[in-house]
Amino acid sequence: MPRSKTKSKRTRRGEMRKRAQFFDRHAEHIRLVLIGGGAILVATLLAKVVLG
């Protein structure tokens, strides 16, 4: 079985740049979704505790 070739600096830099551009575009939406999900989770737990 052939060993996998390590990625060059240029390839890694390009991948990092693509990842950074993705997060620049979608970070706000991802953050809002996570905050909303956390709020729903907390509300559910509080309702279970209060209502028994």
C-alpha atoms as a PDB file:
ATOM      1  CA  MET A   1       0.000   0.000   0.000  1.00  0.00           C
ATOM      2  CA  PRO A   2       1.576   3.342  -1.037  1.00  0.00           C
ATOM      3  CA  ARG A   3       2.118   5.966   1.626  1.00  0.00           C
ATOM      4  CA  SER A   4       0.126   9.157   1.228  1.00  0.00           C
ATOM      5  CA  LYS A   5       2.124  12.073  -0.068  1.00  0.00           C
ATOM      6  CA  THR A   6       2.403  15.027   2.303  1.00  0.00           C
ATOM      7  CA  LYS A   7       0.769  18.212   1.110  1.00  0.00           C
ATOM      8  CA  SER A   8       2.944  21.051  -0.067  1.00  0.00           C
ATOM      9  CA  LYS A   9       2.979  24.410   1.691  1.00  0.00           C
ATOM     10  CA  ARG A  10       1.185  25.917  -1.271  1.00  0.00           C
ATOM     11  CA  THR A  11      -1.647  23.353  -1.099  1.00  0.00           C
ATOM     12  CA  ARG A  12      -2.034  23.750   2.667  1.00  0.00           C
ATOM     13  CA  ARG A  13      -2.033  27.544   2.362  1.00  0.00           C
ATOM     14  CA  GLY A  14      -4.733  27.366  -0.319  1.00  0.00           C
ATOM     15  CA  GLU A  15      -6.879  25.095   1.838  1.00  0.00           C
ATOM     16  CA  MET A  16      -6.488  27.401   4.824  1.00  0.00           C
ATOM     17  CA  ARG A  17      -7.475  30.356   2.672  1.00  0.00           C
ATOM     18  CA  LYS A  18     -10.596  28.570   1.394  1.00  0.00           C
ATOM     19  CA  ARG A  19     -11.553  27.664   4.953  1.00  0.00           C
ATOM     20  CA  ALA A  20     -11.063  31.267   6.104  1.00  0.00           C
ATOM     21  CA  GLN A  21     -13.180  32.594   3.231  1.00  0.00           C
ATOM     22  CA  PHE A  22     -15.942  30.106   4.083  1.00  0.00           C
ATOM     23  CA  PHE A  23     -16.017  31.241   7.709  1.00  0.00           C
ATOM     24  CA  ASP A  24     -15.914  34.907   6.677  1.00  0.00           C
ATOM     25  CA  ARG A  25     -19.046  34.328   4.594  1.00  0.00           C
ATOM     26  CA  HIS A  26     -20.976  32.061   6.972  1.00  0.00           C
ATOM     27  CA  ALA A  27     -19.706  32.881  10.480  1.00  0.00           C
ATOM     28  CA  GLU A  28     -22.588  35.182  11.411  1.00  0.00           C
ATOM     29  CA  HIS A  29     -25.238  32.650  10.416  1.00  0.00           C
ATOM     30  CA  ILE A  30     -23.444  29.793  12.173  1.00  0.00           C
ATOM     31  CA  ARG A  31     -23.107  31.909  15.325  1.00  0.00           C
ATOM     32  CA  LEU A  32     -26.802  32.825  15.327  1.00  0.00           C
ATOM     33  CA  VAL A  33     -27.831  29.192  14.822  1.00  0.00           C
ATOM     34  CA  LEU A  34     -25.659  28.071  17.735  1.00  0.00           C
ATOM     35  CA  ILE A  35     -26.982  30.829  20.017  1.00  0.00           C
ATOM     36  CA  GLY A  36     -30.577  29.979  19.051  1.00  0.00           C
ATOM     37  CA  GLY A  37     -29.998  26.286  19.677  1.00  0.00           C
ATOM     38  CA  GLY A  38     -28.456  27.038  23.065  1.00  0.00           C
ATOM     39  CA  ALA A  39     -31.399  29.260  24.012  1.00  0.00           C
ATOM     40  CA  ILE A  40     -33.877  26.524  23.098  1.00  0.00           C
ATOM     41  CA  LEU A  41     -31.890  23.955  25.083  1.00  0.00           C
ATOM     42  CA  VAL A  42     -31.797  26.193  28.178  1.00  0.00           C
ATOM     43  CA  ALA A  43     -35.512  26.982  27.891  1.00  0.00           C
ATOM     44  CA  THR A  44     -36.313  23.274  27.631  1.00  0.00           C
ATOM     45  CA  LEU A  45     -34.230  22.427  30.683  1.00  0.00           C
ATOM     46  CA  LEU A  46     -35.788  25.263  32.698  1.00  0.00           C
ATOM     47  CA  ALA A  47     -39.284  24.125  31.722  1.00  0.00           C
ATOM     48  CA  LYS A  48     -38.489  20.578  32.853  1.00  0.00           C
ATOM     49  CA  VAL A  49     -37.150  21.808  36.194  1.00  0.00           C
ATOM     50  CA  VAL A  50     -39.996  24.267  36.847  1.00  0.00           C
ATOM     51  CA  LEU A  51     -42.818  22.009  35.681  1.00  0.00           C
ATOM     52  CA  GLY A  52     -41.303  18.930  37.206  1.00  0.00           C
END
